[in-house]
Amino acid sequence: MKCRCGKEAIIHLRPYRLSLCDSCFVDFYERKVRRFIRKWRLVEPGETVYVAVSGGKDSAACLAVLQQLSVELGIDVAAIHINLGITGYSEKVEDACRRLCRMLDIPLEVVNLVDAYGVGVEELARSTRRSACSVCGVVKRYLMNRVPRELGANRVATGHNLDDVVEFFFKNWTSGNYFWISKQKPLLPSTHPKVLPKIKPLFERSGLENEMYVKARGLPYEADECPHAVTSRWGEIAELVEERAPGFKLAFARGLEEIKIVAPEPQFTQCSVCGEPSSGDPCAFCRILRAAA
């Protein structure tokens, strides 16, 4: 494959019918993310945005592209990483996050679940008889809101990509979980003074694009998946459709951006243990900790 500039291409983007070399692809990627952020007004000048970094390619791409655009957008960028205490894995991803933030010269806040609460996600899962993924979701949602807010963040950005958006929709649609479908938007505004707005700058960027972006820029990331990760059949089905109809995922996500899915919002109360907003008392995070005590 040849890039439009004549150099060897590193990627072929079927939805765009475009082959690009490393430098042209980086320009293309950053231009697309810049336009997307401006279209949906994901950030405002003067804000501090904390990026939740996991050590993987998607959050690395999210952090790197926001840092690259930060001066133009008028924002400050910082990172938060949650070490979940997963044996043989959490150490590797924390190291990848530290190396990434050093390279980009971005401040990093690390929350070690074991150090802070005396227990890791695997032990929490065993104590509550829930899957590790379920417990992980509760932990991350809690800490990714509370910690950045206490550090002065205005928004939290995540590396959710195009593949995640499509897979998540079908998974929840077939299960009747319309509340979670309603959350599949580029911007989730705050619904409580203690709840930070959440943004997904990579809503229209695929996992492959994110991987090629960090590789083209020579940025570190951990390629190994979490040992508790489960392959979703909906992700595989979406890939099959994409093979037959290139651009399906992108068109689907753009339709999802515009459609209004109404689901009842939870009525917030205050957790009597930690003081955080919650739909129940105590909050899900404190209930999990209590079960492991």
Protein backbone atom coordinates (compact mmCIF):
# COMPACT_ATOMS: atom_id res chain seq x y z
CA MET A 1 0.00 0.00 0.00
CA LYS A 2 1.10 3.52 -0.79
CA CYS A 3 0.11 6.65 1.10
CA ARG A 4 -1.31 9.59 -0.81
CA CYS A 5 2.04 11.31 -0.21
CA GLY A 6 3.89 8.45 -1.95
CA LYS A 7 5.45 6.85 1.14
CA GLU A 8 4.73 3.31 2.36
CA ALA A 9 1.37 3.16 4.11
CA ILE A 10 1.08 1.67 7.60
CA ILE A 11 -2.73 1.43 7.64
CA HIS A 12 -5.67 1.15 5.27
CA LEU A 13 -8.84 2.78 6.56
CA ARG A 14 -11.65 0.99 4.73
CA PRO A 15 -14.46 3.33 5.86
CA TYR A 16 -12.54 6.24 4.33
CA ARG A 17 -11.01 4.28 1.42
CA LEU A 18 -7.70 5.70 2.48
CA SER A 19 -4.16 4.37 2.97
CA LEU A 20 -1.77 6.46 5.05
CA CYS A 21 1.88 6.48 6.13
CA ASP A 22 2.80 7.07 9.75
CA SER A 23 3.09 10.88 9.60
CA CYS A 24 -0.01 11.36 7.43
CA PHE A 25 -1.97 9.02 9.69
CA VAL A 26 -1.00 10.95 12.83
CA ASP A 27 -2.18 14.18 11.16
CA PHE A 28 -5.41 12.48 10.04
CA TYR A 29 -6.09 11.04 13.50
CA GLU A 30 -5.47 14.28 15.39
CA ARG A 31 -7.55 16.27 12.90
CA LYS A 32 -10.49 13.87 13.33
CA VAL A 33 -10.31 13.97 17.13
CA ARG A 34 -9.99 17.78 17.13
CA ARG A 35 -13.10 18.14 14.96
CA PHE A 36 -15.02 15.67 17.11
CA ILE A 37 -14.15 17.48 20.35
CA ARG A 38 -15.22 20.81 18.88
CA LYS A 39 -18.41 19.40 17.34
CA TRP A 40 -19.64 18.03 20.67
CA ARG A 41 -18.01 20.72 22.84
CA LEU A 42 -16.37 18.06 24.96
CA VAL A 43 -14.10 20.57 26.71
CA GLU A 44 -14.05 24.28 27.49
CA PRO A 45 -10.97 26.55 27.66
CA GLY A 46 -9.49 26.76 31.14
CA GLU A 47 -10.65 23.32 32.23
CA THR A 48 -8.56 20.53 33.73
CA VAL A 49 -9.26 17.15 32.15
CA TYR A 50 -8.19 13.95 33.87
CA VAL A 51 -7.73 10.98 31.55
CA ALA A 52 -8.37 7.54 33.07
CA VAL A 53 -5.42 5.47 31.85
CA SER A 54 -5.44 1.68 32.08
CA GLY A 55 -2.08 0.96 30.46
CA GLY A 56 -3.70 -0.17 27.19
CA LYS A 57 -3.60 1.34 23.71
CA ASP A 58 -6.93 3.17 23.82
CA SER A 59 -6.38 5.19 26.98
CA ALA A 60 -2.77 5.83 25.88
CA ALA A 61 -4.08 7.25 22.60
CA CYS A 62 -6.67 9.34 24.45
CA LEU A 63 -4.09 10.84 26.79
CA ALA A 64 -1.57 11.47 24.00
CA VAL A 65 -3.99 13.14 21.60
CA LEU A 66 -5.49 15.37 24.31
CA GLN A 67 -2.00 16.41 25.36
CA GLN A 68 -1.15 17.14 21.73
CA LEU A 69 -4.27 19.32 21.35
CA SER A 70 -4.20 20.84 24.84
CA VAL A 71 -2.66 24.20 23.95
CA GLU A 72 -5.03 24.68 21.03
CA LEU A 73 -8.03 23.69 23.15
CA GLY A 74 -6.86 25.74 26.14
CA ILE A 75 -7.02 22.85 28.62
CA ASP A 76 -4.73 21.23 31.17
CA VAL A 77 -4.36 17.45 30.98
CA ALA A 78 -3.55 15.04 33.81
CA ALA A 79 -3.93 11.29 34.25
CA ILE A 80 -5.30 8.88 36.83
CA HIS A 81 -4.56 5.16 37.02
CA ILE A 82 -6.25 2.66 39.33
CA ASN A 83 -4.10 -0.29 40.32
CA LEU A 84 -6.69 -3.02 40.91
CA GLY A 85 -4.30 -5.47 42.58
CA ILE A 86 -4.67 -8.16 39.91
CA THR A 87 -1.80 -10.59 40.45
CA GLY A 88 0.78 -10.56 37.67
CA TYR A 89 -1.08 -7.94 35.64
CA SER A 90 -1.61 -4.73 37.61
CA GLU A 91 2.13 -4.20 38.06
CA LYS A 92 2.66 -4.30 34.28
CA VAL A 93 -0.09 -1.86 33.40
CA GLU A 94 0.91 0.60 36.13
CA ASP A 95 4.46 0.54 34.80
CA ALA A 96 3.17 1.24 31.27
CA CYS A 97 1.14 4.19 32.58
CA ARG A 98 4.12 5.63 34.43
CA ARG A 99 6.36 5.34 31.37
CA LEU A 100 3.71 6.93 29.15
CA CYS A 101 3.17 9.90 31.47
CA ARG A 102 6.91 10.46 31.87
CA MET A 103 7.32 10.51 28.09
CA LEU A 104 4.44 12.95 27.65
CA ASP A 105 5.39 15.00 30.73
CA ILE A 106 1.91 14.64 32.21
CA PRO A 107 1.20 14.40 35.97
CA LEU A 108 -0.10 10.98 37.00
CA GLU A 109 -2.15 10.09 40.07
CA VAL A 110 -2.03 6.38 40.95
CA VAL A 111 -4.63 4.89 43.29
CA ASN A 112 -3.56 1.49 44.56
CA LEU A 113 -6.66 -0.37 45.69
CA VAL A 114 -4.75 -2.68 48.03
CA ASP A 115 -2.79 0.15 49.65
CA ALA A 116 -5.84 2.41 50.00
CA TYR A 117 -8.46 -0.15 51.06
CA GLY A 118 -6.49 -3.27 51.98
CA VAL A 119 -8.03 -5.49 49.31
CA GLY A 120 -7.74 -6.04 45.54
CA VAL A 121 -10.45 -6.59 42.97
CA GLU A 122 -9.97 -10.38 42.84
CA GLU A 123 -10.54 -10.74 46.59
CA LEU A 124 -13.52 -8.38 46.38
CA ALA A 125 -14.99 -10.56 43.64
CA ARG A 126 -14.58 -13.73 45.73
CA SER A 127 -16.05 -12.08 48.83
CA THR A 128 -19.12 -10.78 47.02
CA ARG A 129 -19.49 -13.80 44.70
CA ARG A 130 -19.57 -11.46 41.73
CA SER A 131 -17.46 -11.54 38.59
CA ALA A 132 -14.19 -9.64 38.65
CA CYS A 133 -15.46 -7.49 35.75
CA SER A 134 -18.58 -6.51 37.67
CA VAL A 135 -16.61 -5.50 40.76
CA CYS A 136 -14.02 -3.72 38.60
CA GLY A 137 -16.78 -1.60 37.05
CA VAL A 138 -18.06 -0.48 40.44
CA VAL A 139 -14.56 0.33 41.69
CA LYS A 140 -13.55 2.28 38.61
CA ARG A 141 -16.76 4.30 38.38
CA TYR A 142 -16.38 5.32 42.02
CA LEU A 143 -12.69 6.18 42.07
CA MET A 144 -12.60 7.72 38.57
CA ASN A 145 -15.14 10.26 39.79
CA ARG A 146 -14.12 10.89 43.39
CA VAL A 147 -10.33 11.14 43.05
CA PRO A 148 -10.13 13.49 40.02
CA ARG A 149 -12.86 15.70 41.54
CA GLU A 150 -10.89 16.01 44.77
CA LEU A 151 -7.79 16.87 42.72
CA GLY A 152 -9.58 19.72 40.97
CA ALA A 153 -10.69 18.10 37.71
CA ASN A 154 -13.48 19.61 35.64
CA ARG A 155 -14.01 16.52 33.47
CA VAL A 156 -12.90 12.91 33.15
CA ALA A 157 -11.98 11.45 29.76
CA THR A 158 -11.93 7.74 28.94
CA GLY A 159 -10.49 5.83 26.00
CA HIS A 160 -13.73 4.12 24.96
CA ASN A 161 -13.46 3.54 21.22
CA LEU A 162 -15.76 2.89 18.26
CA ASP A 163 -15.64 -0.88 18.74
CA ASP A 164 -16.62 -0.53 22.41
CA VAL A 165 -19.56 1.73 21.56
CA VAL A 166 -21.08 -0.67 19.02
CA GLU A 167 -20.47 -3.79 21.12
CA PHE A 168 -21.82 -2.15 24.28
CA PHE A 169 -25.01 -1.05 22.50
CA PHE A 170 -25.94 -4.51 21.20
CA LYS A 171 -24.99 -6.22 24.45
CA ASN A 172 -27.27 -3.95 26.48
CA TRP A 173 -30.02 -3.66 23.89
CA THR A 174 -30.55 -7.42 23.79
CA SER A 175 -30.53 -7.47 27.61
CA GLY A 176 -33.01 -4.62 27.91
CA ASN A 177 -30.55 -2.40 29.78
CA TYR A 178 -31.73 0.87 28.24
CA PHE A 179 -30.30 2.97 31.06
CA TRP A 180 -26.75 1.99 30.10
CA ILE A 181 -27.52 2.46 26.39
CA SER A 182 -28.60 6.02 27.16
CA LYS A 183 -25.09 6.62 28.54
CA GLN A 184 -23.45 5.81 25.18
CA LYS A 185 -22.83 9.43 24.21
CA PRO A 186 -19.67 11.46 23.53
CA LEU A 187 -20.51 13.68 26.51
CA LEU A 188 -22.27 12.73 29.73
CA PRO A 189 -23.12 15.97 31.57
CA SER A 190 -22.97 16.14 35.33
CA THR A 191 -26.16 15.03 37.09
CA HIS A 192 -25.01 16.03 40.60
CA PRO A 193 -22.58 18.63 42.02
CA LYS A 194 -20.24 15.80 43.02
CA VAL A 195 -20.45 13.93 39.70
CA LEU A 196 -17.96 15.04 37.06
CA PRO A 197 -18.92 15.23 33.36
CA LYS A 198 -17.50 12.27 31.39
CA ILE A 199 -16.20 12.58 27.84
CA LYS A 200 -15.25 10.04 25.16
CA PRO A 201 -12.98 11.83 22.64
CA LEU A 202 -12.32 8.56 20.75
CA PHE A 203 -16.01 7.74 20.22
CA GLU A 204 -15.49 7.51 16.43
CA ARG A 205 -11.96 6.08 16.42
CA SER A 206 -11.47 2.31 16.12
CA GLY A 207 -9.22 0.17 18.29
CA LEU A 208 -6.93 -0.35 15.29
CA GLU A 209 -6.63 3.39 14.73
CA ASN A 210 -5.76 3.93 18.40
CA GLU A 211 -3.13 1.20 18.28
CA MET A 212 -1.54 2.61 15.12
CA TYR A 213 -1.55 6.12 16.59
CA VAL A 214 0.43 5.16 19.71
CA LYS A 215 2.77 3.01 17.61
CA ALA A 216 3.34 5.81 15.09
CA ARG A 217 4.24 8.14 17.95
CA GLY A 218 6.41 5.53 19.68
CA LEU A 219 4.42 5.56 22.91
CA PRO A 220 4.47 2.72 25.47
CA TYR A 221 1.44 0.61 26.28
CA GLU A 222 0.69 -2.87 27.60
CA ALA A 223 -0.57 -5.18 24.85
CA ASP A 224 -1.65 -8.05 27.14
CA GLU A 225 -5.33 -8.09 28.07
CA CYS A 226 -6.60 -8.38 31.62
CA PRO A 227 -6.72 -12.07 32.62
CA HIS A 228 -10.36 -11.60 33.58
CA ALA A 229 -11.41 -10.10 30.23
CA VAL A 230 -14.19 -11.95 28.43
CA THR A 231 -14.56 -12.01 24.64
CA SER A 232 -17.99 -10.71 23.66
CA ARG A 233 -19.91 -12.40 20.86
CA TRP A 234 -21.35 -8.99 19.99
CA GLY A 235 -17.90 -7.66 19.25
CA GLU A 236 -17.30 -10.59 16.93
CA ILE A 237 -20.69 -10.10 15.23
CA ALA A 238 -19.99 -6.41 14.69
CA GLU A 239 -16.64 -7.32 13.11
CA LEU A 240 -18.37 -9.72 10.70
CA VAL A 241 -20.79 -7.00 9.62
CA GLU A 242 -17.91 -4.52 9.25
CA GLU A 243 -16.11 -6.98 6.96
CA ARG A 244 -19.13 -7.21 4.68
CA ALA A 245 -20.05 -3.52 4.93
CA PRO A 246 -16.99 -1.32 5.63
CA GLY A 247 -18.00 1.75 7.57
CA PHE A 248 -20.90 0.06 9.37
CA LYS A 249 -19.50 0.77 12.84
CA LEU A 250 -18.77 4.41 12.10
CA ALA A 251 -22.21 5.00 10.60
CA PHE A 252 -23.84 3.21 13.55
CA ALA A 253 -21.94 5.30 16.13
CA ARG A 254 -22.82 8.53 14.32
CA GLY A 255 -26.47 7.53 14.39
CA LEU A 256 -26.18 6.74 18.09
CA GLU A 257 -24.69 10.19 18.73
CA GLU A 258 -27.83 11.85 17.39
CA ILE A 259 -30.59 9.59 18.68
CA LYS A 260 -32.13 10.39 22.05
CA ILE A 261 -32.64 7.32 24.22
CA VAL A 262 -34.60 8.23 27.33
CA ALA A 263 -34.13 6.18 30.49
CA PRO A 264 -35.06 7.13 34.07
CA GLU A 265 -32.18 8.77 35.91
CA PRO A 266 -31.40 7.43 39.39
CA GLN A 267 -32.48 9.58 42.31
CA PHE A 268 -29.33 10.46 44.21
CA THR A 269 -28.96 10.18 47.92
CA GLN A 270 -25.79 10.51 49.99
CA CYS A 271 -23.86 7.46 51.10
CA SER A 272 -23.81 7.46 54.90
CA VAL A 273 -20.36 5.82 54.89
CA CYS A 274 -18.30 7.85 52.40
CA GLY A 275 -20.53 10.83 51.65
CA GLU A 276 -20.52 10.30 47.88
CA PRO A 277 -23.71 10.59 45.79
CA SER A 278 -25.41 7.25 45.29
CA SER A 279 -28.70 5.71 44.21
CA GLY A 280 -28.67 3.62 47.40
CA ASP A 281 -27.29 3.79 50.92
CA PRO A 282 -24.63 2.69 51.39
CA CYS A 283 -23.24 3.12 47.87
CA ALA A 284 -22.24 0.10 45.77
CA PHE A 285 -18.54 0.70 46.44
CA CYS A 286 -18.97 0.76 50.22
CA ARG A 287 -21.24 -2.32 50.10
CA ILE A 288 -18.54 -4.26 48.29
CA LEU A 289 -15.89 -3.17 50.79
CA ARG A 290 -18.17 -4.11 53.68
CA ALA A 291 -18.72 -7.60 52.23
CA ALA A 292 -14.95 -8.16 52.07
CA ALA A 293 -14.29 -6.95 55.61
